[in-house]
C-alpha atoms as a PDB file:
ATOM      1  CA  MET A   1     -11.022  -3.125 -24.175  1.00  0.00           C
ATOM      2  CA  ALA A   2      -8.027  -1.035 -26.107  1.00  0.00           C
ATOM      3  CA  GLY A   3      -9.295   2.217 -24.444  1.00  0.00           C
ATOM      4  CA  THR A   4      -9.941   0.648 -21.049  1.00  0.00           C
ATOM      5  CA  ILE A   5      -6.530  -0.459 -20.775  1.00  0.00           C
ATOM      6  CA  GLN A   6      -4.385   2.765 -22.069  1.00  0.00           C
ATOM      7  CA  SER A   7      -7.529   4.812 -19.335  1.00  0.00           C
ATOM      8  CA  TYR A   8      -6.238   2.484 -16.761  1.00  0.00           C
ATOM      9  CA  GLN A   9      -2.291   3.466 -18.243  1.00  0.00           C
ATOM     10  CA  HIS A  10      -2.838   6.972 -18.201  1.00  0.00           C
ATOM     11  CA  LEU A  11      -3.898   6.567 -14.398  1.00  0.00           C
ATOM     12  CA  GLU A  12      -1.383   5.195 -13.827  1.00  0.00           C
ATOM     13  CA  GLU A  13       0.441   7.054 -15.151  1.00  0.00           C
ATOM     14  CA  GLU A  14      -1.528  10.447 -13.459  1.00  0.00           C
ATOM     15  CA  VAL A  15      -1.154   8.815  -9.834  1.00  0.00           C
ATOM     16  CA  LEU A  16       2.492   7.827  -9.816  1.00  0.00           C
ATOM     17  CA  HIS A  17       3.152  12.096 -10.361  1.00  0.00           C
ATOM     18  CA  LEU A  18       1.340  12.747  -7.488  1.00  0.00           C
ATOM     19  CA  PRO A  19       2.563  13.297  -3.801  1.00  0.00           C
ATOM     20  CA  ARG A  20       4.242  10.335  -1.834  1.00  0.00           C
ATOM     21  CA  VAL A  21       0.814  11.175   1.055  1.00  0.00           C
ATOM     22  CA  ASP A  22      -1.856  11.591  -2.007  1.00  0.00           C
ATOM     23  CA  ARG A  23      -0.220   8.216  -3.538  1.00  0.00           C
ATOM     24  CA  SER A  24      -0.500   6.767   0.286  1.00  0.00           C
ATOM     25  CA  LYS A  25      -3.824   8.118   1.278  1.00  0.00           C
ATOM     26  CA  LEU A  26      -5.063   6.726  -2.574  1.00  0.00           C
ATOM     27  CA  ALA A  27      -3.756   3.345  -2.008  1.00  0.00           C
ATOM     28  CA  SER A  28      -4.972   2.886   1.287  1.00  0.00           C
ATOM     29  CA  ARG A  29      -8.669   3.265   0.455  1.00  0.00           C
ATOM     30  CA  LEU A  30      -8.576   0.862  -2.695  1.00  0.00           C
ATOM     31  CA  LEU A  31      -6.874  -1.199  -0.592  1.00  0.00           C
ATOM     32  CA  GLU A  32     -10.161  -0.884   1.628  1.00  0.00           C
ATOM     33  CA  SER A  33     -12.294  -1.194  -0.995  1.00  0.00           C
ATOM     34  CA  LEU A  34     -11.460  -5.064  -1.368  1.00  0.00           C
ATOM     35  CA  ASP A  35     -12.379  -6.225   1.575  1.00  0.00           C
ATOM     36  CA  GLU A  36     -15.233  -3.985   2.004  1.00  0.00           C
ATOM     37  CA  ASP A  37     -18.216  -6.404   0.525  1.00  0.00           C
ATOM     38  CA  GLU A  38     -16.138 -10.026   2.470  1.00  0.00           C
ATOM     39  CA  HIS A  39     -14.822  -8.407   5.816  1.00  0.00           C
ATOM     40  CA  GLU A  40     -14.437  -5.283   8.433  1.00  0.00           C
ATOM     41  CA  LEU A  41     -11.970  -4.493   9.940  1.00  0.00           C
ATOM     42  CA  SER A  42     -12.119  -4.416  14.055  1.00  0.00           C
ATOM     43  CA  PRO A  43     -12.198  -0.309  15.056  1.00  0.00           C
ATOM     44  CA  GLU A  44      -8.797  -1.369  16.836  1.00  0.00           C
ATOM     45  CA  TRP A  45      -7.313  -3.064  13.910  1.00  0.00           C
ATOM     46  CA  ARG A  46      -8.672   0.681  12.211  1.00  0.00           C
ATOM     47  CA  LYS A  47      -7.094   2.249  14.081  1.00  0.00           C
ATOM     48  CA  GLU A  48      -3.381   0.619  14.415  1.00  0.00           C
ATOM     49  CA  LEU A  49      -3.789   1.229  10.074  1.00  0.00           C
ATOM     50  CA  GLN A  50      -4.696   4.444  10.377  1.00  0.00           C
ATOM     51  CA  ARG A  51      -1.999   5.438  12.656  1.00  0.00           C
ATOM     52  CA  ARG A  52       0.560   3.479  10.763  1.00  0.00           C
ATOM     53  CA  VAL A  53      -0.052   5.554   7.844  1.00  0.00           C
ATOM     54  CA  SER A  54      -0.289   8.833   9.804  1.00  0.00           C
ATOM     55  CA  ASP A  55       3.254   7.263  11.176  1.00  0.00           C
ATOM     56  CA  ILE A  56       4.265   6.811   6.974  1.00  0.00           C
ATOM     57  CA  ASP A  57       2.500  10.760   5.898  1.00  0.00           C
ATOM     58  CA  ALA A  58       4.042  12.622   8.602  1.00  0.00           C
ATOM     59  CA  GLY A  59       7.528  10.769   7.834  1.00  0.00           C
ATOM     60  CA  ASN A  60       7.831   9.152  11.012  1.00  0.00           C
ATOM     61  CA  ALA A  61       7.585   5.673   9.373  1.00  0.00           C
ATOM     62  CA  LYS A  62      11.244   3.426   8.300  1.00  0.00           C
ATOM     63  CA  LEU A  63      10.040   1.939   5.336  1.00  0.00           C
ATOM     64  CA  SER A  64      11.970  -0.787   3.433  1.00  0.00           C
ATOM     65  CA  PRO A  65      12.091  -1.846   0.136  1.00  0.00           C
ATOM     66  CA  ALA A  66      10.130  -5.256  -0.767  1.00  0.00           C
ATOM     67  CA  GLU A  67      13.522  -7.326  -1.929  1.00  0.00           C
ATOM     68  CA  ALA A  68      15.463  -6.380   1.543  1.00  0.00           C
ATOM     69  CA  LEU A  69      12.554  -7.340   3.419  1.00  0.00           C
ATOM     70  CA  TRP A  70      12.337 -10.813   1.177  1.00  0.00           C
ATOM     71  CA  LYS A  71      16.271 -10.545   2.050  1.00  0.00           C
ATOM     72  CA  GLU A  72      16.046 -10.572   5.673  1.00  0.00           C
ATOM     73  CA  VAL A  73      13.156 -12.684   5.737  1.00  0.00           C
ATOM     74  CA  ASN A  74      15.379 -16.142   3.951  1.00  0.00           C
ATOM     75  CA  GLN A  75      18.294 -15.300   5.629  1.00  0.00           C
ATOM     76  CA  ARG A  76      16.893 -15.544   9.010  1.00  0.00           C
ATOM     77  CA  PHE A  77      14.391 -18.275   8.411  1.00  0.00           C
ATOM     78  CA  GLY A  78      16.826 -20.013   5.188  1.00  0.00           C
ATOM     79  CA  THR A  79      14.242 -20.688   2.600  1.00  0.00           C
ATOM     80  CA  THR A  80      13.612 -18.325  -0.581  1.00  0.00           C
ATOM     81  CA  PHE A  81      10.809 -16.859  -1.113  1.00  0.00           C
END
């Protein structure tokens, strides 16, 4: 088990040093793999996701930190997520 953890830590370290575009592609593929056995995306959703990933890769998307998003949600809806 210790070898697996070390392998994971090494893999994570290597992946985090990849260029942003490569990390984005890898993240998309990993997320895809989580749903491969459970649900198939409709062609429309697959196209939309590909468009969004392309926008991110091209630098055309405005990305916000999750903390900022949750702060805005909490302020708007009076919640505490």
